[in-house]
C-alpha atoms as a PDB file:
ATOM      1  CA  MET A   1      21.532  13.690-120.360  1.00  0.00           C
ATOM      2  CA  GLU A   2      18.697  11.730-118.797  1.00  0.00           C
ATOM      3  CA  ARG A   3      15.082  11.066-119.603  1.00  0.00           C
ATOM      4  CA  GLU A   4      12.208   9.439-117.711  1.00  0.00           C
ATOM      5  CA  LEU A   5      10.159   6.535-119.059  1.00  0.00           C
ATOM      6  CA  THR A   6       6.489   6.264-118.226  1.00  0.00           C
ATOM      7  CA  GLY A   7       5.273   3.250-116.275  1.00  0.00           C
ATOM      8  CA  THR A   8       4.396   2.011-112.831  1.00  0.00           C
ATOM      9  CA  ILE A   9       7.905   2.648-111.466  1.00  0.00           C
ATOM     10  CA  PRO A  10       9.793   5.761-112.698  1.00  0.00           C
ATOM     11  CA  VAL A  11      12.917   4.771-114.658  1.00  0.00           C
ATOM     12  CA  ARG A  12      15.704   7.124-115.647  1.00  0.00           C
ATOM     13  CA  ILE A  13      18.262   6.501-118.427  1.00  0.00           C
ATOM     14  CA  LEU A  14      21.517   8.287-117.804  1.00  0.00           C
ATOM     15  CA  ALA A  15      23.877   9.353-120.587  1.00  0.00           C
ATOM     16  CA  ALA A  16      26.239   6.542-119.685  1.00  0.00           C
ATOM     17  CA  GLY A  17      23.487   4.037-120.473  1.00  0.00           C
ATOM     18  CA  TRP A  18      22.704   3.003-116.884  1.00  0.00           C
ATOM     19  CA  LEU A  19      19.105   2.345-115.829  1.00  0.00           C
ATOM     20  CA  VAL A  20      18.144   3.808-112.432  1.00  0.00           C
ATOM     21  CA  LEU A  21      14.931   2.938-110.608  1.00  0.00           C
ATOM     22  CA  ALA A  22      13.709   6.174-109.082  1.00  0.00           C
ATOM     23  CA  LEU A  23      11.757   4.930-106.075  1.00  0.00           C
ATOM     24  CA  PRO A  24       9.720   7.496-104.126  1.00  0.00           C
ATOM     25  CA  LEU A  25      11.625   9.026-101.235  1.00  0.00           C
ATOM     26  CA  ALA A  26       9.061   7.811 -98.724  1.00  0.00           C
ATOM     27  CA  ALA A  27       9.600   4.215 -99.831  1.00  0.00           C
ATOM     28  CA  GLN A  28      13.372   4.508 -99.519  1.00  0.00           C
ATOM     29  CA  ASP A  29      13.311   6.064 -96.067  1.00  0.00           C
ATOM     30  CA  ARG A  30      10.449   4.034 -94.638  1.00  0.00           C
ATOM     31  CA  PRO A  31      11.596   2.575 -91.273  1.00  0.00           C
ATOM     32  CA  ARG A  32      11.574  -1.163 -90.826  1.00  0.00           C
ATOM     33  CA  GLU A  33       8.380  -2.273 -89.159  1.00  0.00           C
ATOM     34  CA  SER A  34       8.491  -4.070 -85.807  1.00  0.00           C
ATOM     35  CA  ASN A  35       7.559  -7.724 -85.560  1.00  0.00           C
ATOM     36  CA  ARG A  36       4.430  -6.924 -83.562  1.00  0.00           C
ATOM     37  CA  ALA A  37       1.781  -4.424 -84.618  1.00  0.00           C
ATOM     38  CA  PRO A  38       0.926  -1.583 -82.213  1.00  0.00           C
ATOM     39  CA  ALA A  39      -1.673  -2.586 -79.624  1.00  0.00           C
ATOM     40  CA  PRO A  40      -5.100  -1.665 -81.017  1.00  0.00           C
ATOM     41  CA  VAL A  41      -7.372   0.424 -78.815  1.00  0.00           C
ATOM     42  CA  SER A  42     -11.115  -0.139 -78.636  1.00  0.00           C
ATOM     43  CA  GLY A  43     -13.646  -0.034 -75.830  1.00  0.00           C
ATOM     44  CA  PHE A  44     -17.132  -0.518 -74.473  1.00  0.00           C
ATOM     45  CA  ALA A  45     -19.569   1.228 -72.127  1.00  0.00           C
ATOM     46  CA  ILE A  46     -21.874  -0.059 -69.370  1.00  0.00           C
ATOM     47  CA  PRO A  47     -24.769   2.001 -67.947  1.00  0.00           C
ATOM     48  CA  LEU A  48     -24.807   2.690 -64.209  1.00  0.00           C
ATOM     49  CA  GLY A  49     -27.189   5.125 -62.552  1.00  0.00           C
ATOM     50  CA  SER A  50     -27.932   7.928 -64.976  1.00  0.00           C
ATOM     51  CA  GLU A  51     -24.517   7.622 -66.665  1.00  0.00           C
ATOM     52  CA  ARG A  52     -22.506   5.261 -68.835  1.00  0.00           C
ATOM     53  CA  ILE A  53     -19.074   4.131 -67.624  1.00  0.00           C
ATOM     54  CA  GLU A  54     -16.652   3.857 -70.544  1.00  0.00           C
ATOM     55  CA  PHE A  55     -13.779   1.383 -70.658  1.00  0.00           C
ATOM     56  CA  PHE A  56     -10.743   1.225 -72.947  1.00  0.00           C
ATOM     57  CA  VAL A  57      -9.466  -2.080 -74.334  1.00  0.00           C
ATOM     58  CA  GLU A  58      -5.865  -2.352 -75.531  1.00  0.00           C
ATOM     59  CA  GLY A  59      -3.924  -5.292 -76.915  1.00  0.00           C
ATOM     60  CA  ASP A  60      -4.996  -8.208 -79.041  1.00  0.00           C
ATOM     61  CA  PRO A  61      -8.789  -8.692 -78.729  1.00  0.00           C
ATOM     62  CA  SER A  62      -8.449 -12.335 -79.800  1.00  0.00           C
ATOM     63  CA  VAL A  63      -6.249 -13.110 -76.773  1.00  0.00           C
ATOM     64  CA  LYS A  64      -8.332 -14.089 -73.761  1.00  0.00           C
ATOM     65  CA  SER A  65      -5.468 -14.529 -71.295  1.00  0.00           C
ATOM     66  CA  PRO A  66      -3.657 -12.883 -69.655  1.00  0.00           C
ATOM     67  CA  LEU A  67      -6.119 -10.082 -68.977  1.00  0.00           C
ATOM     68  CA  VAL A  68      -4.692  -6.992 -67.255  1.00  0.00           C
ATOM     69  CA  VAL A  69      -7.306  -4.885 -65.466  1.00  0.00           C
ATOM     70  CA  SER A  70      -7.190  -1.486 -63.784  1.00  0.00           C
ATOM     71  CA  LEU A  71     -10.159  -0.699 -61.541  1.00  0.00           C
ATOM     72  CA  HIS A  72      -9.087   2.614 -59.980  1.00  0.00           C
ATOM     73  CA  ARG A  73      -8.600   5.539 -62.356  1.00  0.00           C
ATOM     74  CA  ASN A  74      -6.056   7.343 -60.179  1.00  0.00           C
ATOM     75  CA  GLU A  75      -3.751   4.309 -59.885  1.00  0.00           C
ATOM     76  CA  ASN A  76      -1.856   4.570 -63.161  1.00  0.00           C
ATOM     77  CA  THR A  77       1.838   4.021 -62.351  1.00  0.00           C
ATOM     78  CA  ALA A  78       1.675   0.687 -64.189  1.00  0.00           C
ATOM     79  CA  PHE A  79      -0.025   1.977 -67.365  1.00  0.00           C
ATOM     80  CA  PRO A  80       3.132   2.725 -69.418  1.00  0.00           C
ATOM     81  CA  VAL A  81       4.716  -0.524 -68.219  1.00  0.00           C
ATOM     82  CA  VAL A  82       1.695  -2.606 -69.269  1.00  0.00           C
ATOM     83  CA  ARG A  83       1.680  -0.967 -72.698  1.00  0.00           C
ATOM     84  CA  GLU A  84       5.400  -1.584 -73.097  1.00  0.00           C
ATOM     85  CA  ILE A  85       4.958  -5.279 -72.273  1.00  0.00           C
ATOM     86  CA  LEU A  86       1.965  -5.641 -74.620  1.00  0.00           C
ATOM     87  CA  ALA A  87       4.121  -4.354 -77.475  1.00  0.00           C
ATOM     88  CA  SER A  88       5.952  -7.697 -77.401  1.00  0.00           C
ATOM     89  CA  GLU A  89       3.729 -10.045 -75.380  1.00  0.00           C
ATOM     90  CA  PRO A  90       0.178 -11.325 -76.004  1.00  0.00           C
ATOM     91  CA  GLY A  91      -2.557 -10.043 -73.728  1.00  0.00           C
ATOM     92  CA  ARG A  92      -5.287  -7.477 -73.193  1.00  0.00           C
ATOM     93  CA  PHE A  93      -5.471  -4.386 -70.976  1.00  0.00           C
ATOM     94  CA  ILE A  94      -8.831  -2.996 -69.813  1.00  0.00           C
ATOM     95  CA  GLY A  95      -9.362   0.098 -67.672  1.00  0.00           C
ATOM     96  CA  ILE A  96     -11.868   2.866 -66.990  1.00  0.00           C
ATOM     97  CA  ARG A  97     -11.779   5.633 -69.607  1.00  0.00           C
ATOM     98  CA  THR A  98     -14.439   7.861 -68.005  1.00  0.00           C
ATOM     99  CA  PRO A  99     -12.608  10.734 -66.196  1.00  0.00           C
ATOM    100  CA  GLY A 100     -12.705  10.797 -62.413  1.00  0.00           C
ATOM    101  CA  GLU A 101     -10.984   9.736 -59.222  1.00  0.00           C
ATOM    102  CA  ARG A 102     -10.770   6.441 -57.376  1.00  0.00           C
ATOM    103  CA  ARG A 103     -14.512   6.036 -56.738  1.00  0.00           C
ATOM    104  CA  LEU A 104     -17.373   6.118 -59.241  1.00  0.00           C
ATOM    105  CA  ASN A 105     -19.556   9.112 -58.370  1.00  0.00           C
ATOM    106  CA  LEU A 106     -23.016   8.710 -59.901  1.00  0.00           C
ATOM    107  CA  LYS A 107     -26.678   9.631 -59.608  1.00  0.00           C
ATOM    108  CA  GLY A 108     -29.439   7.229 -58.703  1.00  0.00           C
ATOM    109  CA  GLY A 109     -32.761   8.952 -59.184  1.00  0.00           C
ATOM    110  CA  SER A 110     -32.643  12.271 -57.335  1.00  0.00           C
ATOM    111  CA  ARG A 111     -29.692  11.347 -55.094  1.00  0.00           C
ATOM    112  CA  ALA A 112     -25.994  11.011 -55.813  1.00  0.00           C
ATOM    113  CA  PHE A 113     -24.061   7.943 -54.683  1.00  0.00           C
ATOM    114  CA  SER A 114     -20.538   6.582 -55.017  1.00  0.00           C
ATOM    115  CA  ILE A 115     -19.040   3.098 -55.163  1.00  0.00           C
ATOM    116  CA  ASP A 116     -15.501   1.705 -55.109  1.00  0.00           C
ATOM    117  CA  PRO A 117     -14.997  -0.220 -58.404  1.00  0.00           C
ATOM    118  CA  ASN A 118     -13.153  -2.917 -56.451  1.00  0.00           C
ATOM    119  CA  ARG A 119     -16.017  -3.497 -54.027  1.00  0.00           C
ATOM    120  CA  LEU A 120     -18.858  -4.222 -56.442  1.00  0.00           C
ATOM    121  CA  PHE A 121     -18.322  -7.923 -57.201  1.00  0.00           C
ATOM    122  CA  SER A 122     -20.775  -9.135 -54.549  1.00  0.00           C
ATOM    123  CA  LEU A 123     -23.970  -7.804 -52.940  1.00  0.00           C
ATOM    124  CA  ALA A 124     -22.298  -7.993 -49.523  1.00  0.00           C
ATOM    125  CA  GLY A 125     -19.407  -5.834 -50.719  1.00  0.00           C
ATOM    126  CA  ILE A 126     -21.740  -3.366 -52.439  1.00  0.00           C
ATOM    127  CA  GLU A 127     -23.919  -2.929 -49.351  1.00  0.00           C
ATOM    128  CA  ALA A 128     -20.949  -2.516 -46.996  1.00  0.00           C
ATOM    129  CA  ASP A 129     -19.332   0.100 -49.250  1.00  0.00           C
ATOM    130  CA  LEU A 130     -22.541   2.083 -49.811  1.00  0.00           C
ATOM    131  CA  ARG A 131     -23.367   2.152 -46.090  1.00  0.00           C
ATOM    132  CA  LYS A 132     -19.854   3.308 -45.167  1.00  0.00           C
ATOM    133  CA  PHE A 133     -19.191   5.920 -47.859  1.00  0.00           C
ATOM    134  CA  SER A 134     -22.569   6.841 -49.372  1.00  0.00           C
ATOM    135  CA  PHE A 135     -26.066   5.558 -48.595  1.00  0.00           C
ATOM    136  CA  PHE A 136     -27.698   2.193 -49.073  1.00  0.00           C
ATOM    137  CA  LYS A 137     -30.748   1.583 -51.201  1.00  0.00           C
ATOM    138  CA  GLU A 138     -31.753  -1.879 -52.422  1.00  0.00           C
ATOM    139  CA  GLU A 139     -32.577  -0.635 -55.908  1.00  0.00           C
ATOM    140  CA  ILE A 140     -29.174   0.996 -56.350  1.00  0.00           C
ATOM    141  CA  ALA A 141     -27.363  -2.069 -54.968  1.00  0.00           C
ATOM    142  CA  ARG A 142     -29.104  -4.317 -57.522  1.00  0.00           C
ATOM    143  CA  GLU A 143     -28.214  -1.938 -60.326  1.00  0.00           C
ATOM    144  CA  ILE A 144     -24.554  -2.011 -59.286  1.00  0.00           C
ATOM    145  CA  GLU A 145     -24.693  -5.813 -59.138  1.00  0.00           C
ATOM    146  CA  THR A 146     -25.999  -5.877 -62.738  1.00  0.00           C
ATOM    147  CA  PHE A 147     -23.202  -3.507 -63.772  1.00  0.00           C
ATOM    148  CA  ALA A 148     -20.568  -5.802 -62.235  1.00  0.00           C
ATOM    149  CA  ALA A 149     -22.028  -8.888 -63.962  1.00  0.00           C
ATOM    150  CA  GLU A 150     -21.893  -7.104 -67.320  1.00  0.00           C
ATOM    151  CA  TYR A 151     -18.277  -6.061 -66.650  1.00  0.00           C
ATOM    152  CA  VAL A 152     -17.279  -9.669 -65.933  1.00  0.00           C
ATOM    153  CA  LYS A 153     -19.026 -10.780 -69.131  1.00  0.00           C
ATOM    154  CA  ARG A 154     -17.416  -8.103 -71.318  1.00  0.00           C
ATOM    155  CA  THR A 155     -13.921  -8.683 -69.952  1.00  0.00           C
ATOM    156  CA  GLY A 156     -14.148 -12.460 -70.133  1.00  0.00           C
ATOM    157  CA  ILE A 157     -13.127 -13.150 -66.530  1.00  0.00           C
ATOM    158  CA  ALA A 158     -13.634 -16.904 -66.102  1.00  0.00           C
ATOM    159  CA  PRO A 159     -11.890 -20.070 -64.867  1.00  0.00           C
ATOM    160  CA  GLY A 160      -9.024 -21.122 -67.121  1.00  0.00           C
ATOM    161  CA  ARG A 161      -7.890 -17.541 -67.708  1.00  0.00           C
ATOM    162  CA  VAL A 162      -5.296 -15.479 -65.851  1.00  0.00           C
ATOM    163  CA  VAL A 163      -6.295 -12.070 -64.500  1.00  0.00           C
ATOM    164  CA  ILE A 164      -3.554  -9.578 -63.598  1.00  0.00           C
ATOM    165  CA  ALA A 165      -4.766  -6.548 -61.616  1.00  0.00           C
ATOM    166  CA  VAL A 166      -2.628  -3.416 -61.248  1.00  0.00           C
ATOM    167  CA  HIS A 167      -2.972  -1.240 -58.148  1.00  0.00           C
ATOM    168  CA  ASN A 168      -1.032   1.524 -56.392  1.00  0.00           C
ATOM    169  CA  ASN A 169      -0.863   2.499 -52.729  1.00  0.00           C
ATOM    170  CA  THR A 170       0.600   5.240 -50.544  1.00  0.00           C
ATOM    171  CA  ASP A 171       3.566   4.895 -48.227  1.00  0.00           C
ATOM    172  CA  GLY A 172       2.660   3.682 -44.762  1.00  0.00           C
ATOM    173  CA  GLY A 173      -0.920   2.670 -45.611  1.00  0.00           C
ATOM    174  CA  TYR A 174      -2.182  -0.540 -47.175  1.00  0.00           C
ATOM    175  CA  SER A 175       0.751  -2.924 -47.670  1.00  0.00           C
ATOM    176  CA  LEU A 176       1.927  -6.507 -47.250  1.00  0.00           C
ATOM    177  CA  GLU A 177       2.038  -5.810 -43.499  1.00  0.00           C
ATOM    178  CA  SER A 178      -1.768  -5.457 -43.586  1.00  0.00           C
ATOM    179  CA  TYR A 179      -1.951  -9.252 -44.118  1.00  0.00           C
ATOM    180  CA  ARG A 180       0.380 -10.252 -41.305  1.00  0.00           C
ATOM    181  CA  LYS A 181      -0.700 -11.113 -37.776  1.00  0.00           C
ATOM    182  CA  GLY A 182      -2.624  -8.222 -36.278  1.00  0.00           C
ATOM    183  CA  GLY A 183      -3.120  -6.490 -39.641  1.00  0.00           C
ATOM    184  CA  ALA A 184      -6.473  -5.316 -40.996  1.00  0.00           C
ATOM    185  CA  GLU A 185      -6.427  -7.974 -43.767  1.00  0.00           C
ATOM    186  CA  GLU A 186      -5.066 -10.852 -41.675  1.00  0.00           C
ATOM    187  CA  ALA A 187      -8.206 -12.966 -42.194  1.00  0.00           C
ATOM    188  CA  ALA A 188      -7.786 -12.875 -45.994  1.00  0.00           C
ATOM    189  CA  ALA A 189      -4.285 -14.409 -46.015  1.00  0.00           C
ATOM    190  CA  ALA A 190      -3.439 -18.108 -46.050  1.00  0.00           C
ATOM    191  CA  GLU A 191       0.315 -17.451 -46.160  1.00  0.00           C
ATOM    192  CA  VAL A 192       2.576 -14.389 -46.309  1.00  0.00           C
ATOM    193  CA  HIS A 193       6.162 -14.216 -47.554  1.00  0.00           C
ATOM    194  CA  ARG A 194       8.152 -11.062 -46.785  1.00  0.00           C
ATOM    195  CA  VAL A 195      11.545 -10.158 -48.219  1.00  0.00           C
ATOM    196  CA  GLU A 196      13.000  -7.766 -45.645  1.00  0.00           C
ATOM    197  CA  ALA A 197      15.068  -5.853 -48.205  1.00  0.00           C
ATOM    198  CA  ILE A 198      11.998  -5.005 -50.347  1.00  0.00           C
ATOM    199  CA  ASP A 199       9.505  -2.275 -49.448  1.00  0.00           C
ATOM    200  CA  PRO A 200       6.337  -3.909 -48.029  1.00  0.00           C
ATOM    201  CA  ASP A 201       4.295  -1.469 -50.151  1.00  0.00           C
ATOM    202  CA  ASP A 202       5.494  -3.436 -53.214  1.00  0.00           C
ATOM    203  CA  PHE A 203       3.959  -6.902 -53.198  1.00  0.00           C
ATOM    204  CA  MET A 204       1.785  -9.393 -55.047  1.00  0.00           C
ATOM    205  CA  LEU A 205      -1.369 -11.178 -53.935  1.00  0.00           C
ATOM    206  CA  VAL A 206      -2.298 -14.416 -55.703  1.00  0.00           C
ATOM    207  CA  THR A 207      -5.102 -16.979 -55.545  1.00  0.00           C
ATOM    208  CA  HIS A 208      -3.181 -20.070 -56.676  1.00  0.00           C
ATOM    209  CA  PRO A 209      -0.603 -21.880 -54.487  1.00  0.00           C
ATOM    210  CA  ARG A 210       1.719 -22.640 -57.432  1.00  0.00           C
ATOM    211  CA  HIS A 211       1.995 -18.922 -58.210  1.00  0.00           C
ATOM    212  CA  PHE A 212       2.730 -18.205 -54.550  1.00  0.00           C
ATOM    213  CA  THR A 213       5.496 -20.818 -54.454  1.00  0.00           C
ATOM    214  CA  ALA A 214       7.075 -19.607 -57.698  1.00  0.00           C
ATOM    215  CA  LEU A 215       7.107 -15.962 -56.580  1.00  0.00           C
ATOM    216  CA  LYS A 216       8.385 -16.876 -53.124  1.00  0.00           C
ATOM    217  CA  GLU A 217      11.273 -18.847 -54.622  1.00  0.00           C
ATOM    218  CA  ALA A 218      12.048 -15.954 -56.988  1.00  0.00           C
ATOM    219  CA  GLY A 219      12.350 -13.567 -54.033  1.00  0.00           C
ATOM    220  CA  PHE A 220       9.194 -11.421 -54.267  1.00  0.00           C
ATOM    221  CA  ASN A 221       6.957 -10.096 -51.519  1.00  0.00           C
ATOM    222  CA  VAL A 222       3.874 -12.262 -51.994  1.00  0.00           C
ATOM    223  CA  ILE A 223       0.611 -13.219 -50.277  1.00  0.00           C
ATOM    224  CA  LEU A 224      -1.471 -16.339 -50.895  1.00  0.00           C
ATOM    225  CA  GLN A 225      -5.136 -15.455 -50.457  1.00  0.00           C
ATOM    226  CA  ASP A 226      -7.298 -17.717 -48.300  1.00  0.00           C
ATOM    227  CA  ASN A 227      -9.935 -18.299 -50.973  1.00  0.00           C
ATOM    228  CA  ALA A 228     -12.273 -20.181 -48.643  1.00  0.00           C
ATOM    229  CA  GLY A 229     -11.931 -17.984 -45.574  1.00  0.00           C
ATOM    230  CA  ALA A 230     -11.341 -14.484 -46.973  1.00  0.00           C
ATOM    231  CA  PRO A 231     -14.133 -12.076 -45.936  1.00  0.00           C
ATOM    232  CA  ASP A 232     -16.437 -11.233 -48.847  1.00  0.00           C
ATOM    233  CA  ASP A 233     -15.601  -7.546 -49.301  1.00  0.00           C
ATOM    234  CA  GLY A 234     -16.719  -7.409 -52.947  1.00  0.00           C
ATOM    235  CA  SER A 235     -13.160  -7.247 -54.293  1.00  0.00           C
ATOM    236  CA  LEU A 236     -12.139  -8.848 -57.577  1.00  0.00           C
ATOM    237  CA  SER A 237      -9.533 -10.970 -55.793  1.00  0.00           C
ATOM    238  CA  VAL A 238     -12.169 -12.607 -53.554  1.00  0.00           C
ATOM    239  CA  TYR A 239     -14.542 -12.995 -56.523  1.00  0.00           C
ATOM    240  CA  CYS A 240     -11.838 -14.797 -58.541  1.00  0.00           C
ATOM    241  CA  GLY A 241     -10.640 -16.856 -55.573  1.00  0.00           C
ATOM    242  CA  LYS A 242     -14.088 -18.265 -54.889  1.00  0.00           C
ATOM    243  CA  ARG A 243     -14.573 -19.195 -58.567  1.00  0.00           C
ATOM    244  CA  GLY A 244     -11.214 -20.791 -59.296  1.00  0.00           C
ATOM    245  CA  VAL A 245      -9.912 -17.968 -61.481  1.00  0.00           C
ATOM    246  CA  ASP A 246      -6.130 -17.492 -61.415  1.00  0.00           C
ATOM    247  CA  TYR A 247      -5.686 -13.937 -60.146  1.00  0.00           C
ATOM    248  CA  LEU A 248      -2.493 -11.973 -59.517  1.00  0.00           C
ATOM    249  CA  ASN A 249      -2.625  -8.509 -57.956  1.00  0.00           C
ATOM    250  CA  VAL A 250       0.465  -6.403 -58.661  1.00  0.00           C
ATOM    251  CA  GLU A 251       0.518  -3.774 -55.917  1.00  0.00           C
ATOM    252  CA  ALA A 252       3.147  -1.024 -55.790  1.00  0.00           C
ATOM    253  CA  GLU A 253       3.613   2.323 -54.118  1.00  0.00           C
ATOM    254  CA  PHE A 254       2.735   5.325 -56.295  1.00  0.00           C
ATOM    255  CA  GLY A 255       5.740   6.135 -58.487  1.00  0.00           C
ATOM    256  CA  SER A 256       7.479   2.792 -57.848  1.00  0.00           C
ATOM    257  CA  ARG A 257       7.598   1.982 -61.551  1.00  0.00           C
ATOM    258  CA  GLU A 258      10.752  -0.164 -61.501  1.00  0.00           C
ATOM    259  CA  GLU A 259       9.418  -2.570 -58.885  1.00  0.00           C
ATOM    260  CA  GLN A 260       5.962  -2.688 -60.462  1.00  0.00           C
ATOM    261  CA  GLU A 261       7.570  -3.554 -63.802  1.00  0.00           C
ATOM    262  CA  ARG A 262       9.523  -6.432 -62.231  1.00  0.00           C
ATOM    263  CA  MET A 263       6.354  -7.789 -60.662  1.00  0.00           C
ATOM    264  CA  LEU A 264       4.330  -7.347 -63.870  1.00  0.00           C
ATOM    265  CA  ARG A 265       6.908  -9.206 -65.946  1.00  0.00           C
ATOM    266  CA  ALA A 266       6.867 -11.984 -63.343  1.00  0.00           C
ATOM    267  CA  ALA A 267       3.062 -12.131 -63.616  1.00  0.00           C
ATOM    268  CA  PHE A 268       3.210 -12.328 -67.424  1.00  0.00           C
ATOM    269  CA  ALA A 269       5.793 -15.116 -67.161  1.00  0.00           C
ATOM    270  CA  LEU A 270       3.536 -17.108 -64.830  1.00  0.00           C
ATOM    271  CA  ALA A 271       0.559 -16.543 -67.143  1.00  0.00           C
ATOM    272  CA  ALA A 272       2.616 -18.055 -69.960  1.00  0.00           C
ATOM    273  CA  GLY A 273       3.581 -21.049 -67.809  1.00  0.00           C
ATOM    274  CA  HIS A 274       7.172 -19.931 -67.190  1.00  0.00           C
ATOM    275  CA  ALA A 275       9.111 -19.395 -63.983  1.00  0.00           C
ATOM    276  CA  PRO A 276       9.547 -15.694 -63.128  1.00  0.00           C
ATOM    277  CA  ALA A 277      12.993 -14.112 -63.188  1.00  0.00           C
ATOM    278  CA  PRO A 278      14.476 -13.670 -59.685  1.00  0.00           C
ATOM    279  CA  ALA A 279      13.627 -10.370 -58.011  1.00  0.00           C
ATOM    280  CA  LYS A 280      16.468  -7.905 -57.675  1.00  0.00           C
ATOM    281  CA  VAL A 281      16.955  -7.224 -53.995  1.00  0.00           C
ATOM    282  CA  PRO A 282      18.081  -3.625 -53.382  1.00  0.00           C
ATOM    283  CA  VAL A 283      21.681  -3.282 -52.188  1.00  0.00           C
ATOM    284  CA  ALA A 284      22.007  -1.810 -48.699  1.00  0.00           C
ATOM    285  CA  ARG A 285      23.232   1.793 -48.608  1.00  0.00           C
ATOM    286  CA  PRO A 286      26.913   2.236 -47.684  1.00  0.00           C
ATOM    287  CA  ILE A 287      27.759   4.042 -44.459  1.00  0.00           C
ATOM    288  CA  GLU A 288      27.905   7.726 -45.364  1.00  0.00           C
ATOM    289  CA  SER A 289      30.639   8.662 -42.868  1.00  0.00           C
ATOM    290  CA  GLY A 290      34.240   8.532 -44.008  1.00  0.00           C
ATOM    291  CA  ALA A 291      35.361   6.518 -41.019  1.00  0.00           C
ATOM    292  CA  VAL A 292      37.478   3.440 -41.664  1.00  0.00           C
ATOM    293  CA  PRO A 293      36.676   0.564 -39.325  1.00  0.00           C
ATOM    294  CA  ILE A 294      39.747  -0.667 -37.443  1.00  0.00           C
ATOM    295  CA  THR A 295      40.055  -4.359 -36.787  1.00  0.00           C
ATOM    296  CA  PRO A 296      41.589  -5.033 -33.383  1.00  0.00           C
ATOM    297  CA  ARG A 297      44.879  -6.865 -33.414  1.00  0.00           C
ATOM    298  CA  THR A 298      44.655 -10.333 -31.958  1.00  0.00           C
ATOM    299  CA  GLY A 299      48.351 -10.879 -31.577  1.00  0.00           C
ATOM    300  CA  ARG A 300      51.666  -9.145 -31.876  1.00  0.00           C
ATOM    301  CA  GLY A 301      52.592 -10.932 -35.065  1.00  0.00           C
ATOM    302  CA  ASP A 302      49.318 -10.208 -36.899  1.00  0.00           C
ATOM    303  CA  PRO A 303      49.613  -7.765 -39.789  1.00  0.00           C
ATOM    304  CA  ALA A 304      47.761  -4.468 -39.359  1.00  0.00           C
ATOM    305  CA  PRO A 305      44.776  -3.839 -41.665  1.00  0.00           C
ATOM    306  CA  SER A 306      45.443  -1.794 -44.793  1.00  0.00           C
ATOM    307  CA  GLY A 307      45.472   1.935 -44.055  1.00  0.00           C
ATOM    308  CA  VAL A 308      45.798   1.449 -40.300  1.00  0.00           C
ATOM    309  CA  PRO A 309      49.050   2.411 -38.540  1.00  0.00           C
ATOM    310  CA  PRO A 310      50.803  -0.364 -36.671  1.00  0.00           C
ATOM    311  CA  ALA A 311      50.069  -0.800 -32.993  1.00  0.00           C
ATOM    312  CA  PRO A 312      52.541   0.980 -30.730  1.00  0.00           C
ATOM    313  CA  MET A 313      55.368  -0.919 -29.155  1.00  0.00           C
ATOM    314  CA  GLU A 314      55.464  -0.915 -25.387  1.00  0.00           C
ATOM    315  CA  GLY A 315      57.106   2.185 -23.957  1.00  0.00           C
ATOM    316  CA  LYS A 316      57.227   4.036 -27.299  1.00  0.00           C
ATOM    317  CA  PRO A 317      54.922   6.864 -28.438  1.00  0.00           C
ATOM    318  CA  VAL A 318      52.831   6.678 -31.614  1.00  0.00           C
ATOM    319  CA  LEU A 319      53.956   9.061 -34.367  1.00  0.00           C
ATOM    320  CA  ARG A 320      51.030  10.731 -36.177  1.00  0.00           C
ATOM    321  CA  PRO A 321      51.235  13.257 -39.032  1.00  0.00           C
ATOM    322  CA  GLY A 322      51.140  16.840 -37.765  1.00  0.00           C
ATOM    323  CA  ILE A 323      51.626  15.897 -34.155  1.00  0.00           C
ATOM    324  CA  ARG A 324      54.969  15.945 -32.391  1.00  0.00           C
ATOM    325  CA  ILE A 325      55.185  13.741 -29.361  1.00  0.00           C
ATOM    326  CA  LEU A 326      57.836  14.667 -26.777  1.00  0.00           C
ATOM    327  CA  THR A 327      58.754  12.332 -23.978  1.00  0.00           C
ATOM    328  CA  PRO A 328      59.368  14.179 -20.687  1.00  0.00           C
ATOM    329  CA  LYS A 329      63.007  14.377 -19.608  1.00  0.00           C
ATOM    330  CA  ARG A 330      63.927  12.772 -16.366  1.00  0.00           C
ATOM    331  CA  LYS A 331      64.953  15.274 -13.719  1.00  0.00           C
ATOM    332  CA  ILE A 332      68.502  14.848 -12.387  1.00  0.00           C
ATOM    333  CA  PRO A 333      68.495  15.050  -8.610  1.00  0.00           C
END
């Protein structure tokens, strides 16, 4: 026999005289919460042309650094990796929420125009991009310049903070090789370090020499930007370099999540003042043929390699499985 007492917590008295606290099932089965709360998501919008470009903001809004930014909407290989890292590390992640492709396609008055979001951080970059891919109009260029200034203000990009940019590229196009002698971006590089075993599409570009040295010693593909001599193309890297902002671009081929994660974790370590973990250099593929290399014998007394039949003695045939060797009989005159 049992009966229930009224009160804040249900209590049952069993016939044997035991008291049992009858907690709600949800309270008993509630999973243990993680040490860090899920990254909150918020956002902001900035007008440009006749539209408003919306941005998402993830992570802890009170944390000013590191700031992870994504400027191209179609380059999203790093998104799940960034969110995984922010589940246990401090930081913020800001990207474009408005649907679309790489470029921002907008209307300015009666005409449509487009701009690369990573070419709008200077008037020179804006003009060059508009003339090459759209059309140039002073009024539109000034409006884009105002948009970029508001973006910098909202994101909090400033000296003393670390900016980590995430980008993706296609195989055989823009890569670390673009910054080497004869490459299209040669003028922007002060120093280039290439690890031959790592795909040149997977690399980092930094604005501070100490970050370059640390990544070089850890075995990453890395470029040190020439902050004074880099052509002003309107990119965020040049903008940060000229203003003393610590900037790290994590560039990986589309789909190369594993390598982009290694580089991102290295960037977060540097932002926290720690040395990055050494890069894992891919192991060379084994030879696919089943051939066993035979080491030549250097002397008669040397042992034969494992799995290799001994060298024939002079005047005697070699016996091989499945083959019968007959020596010719001498003819009797």
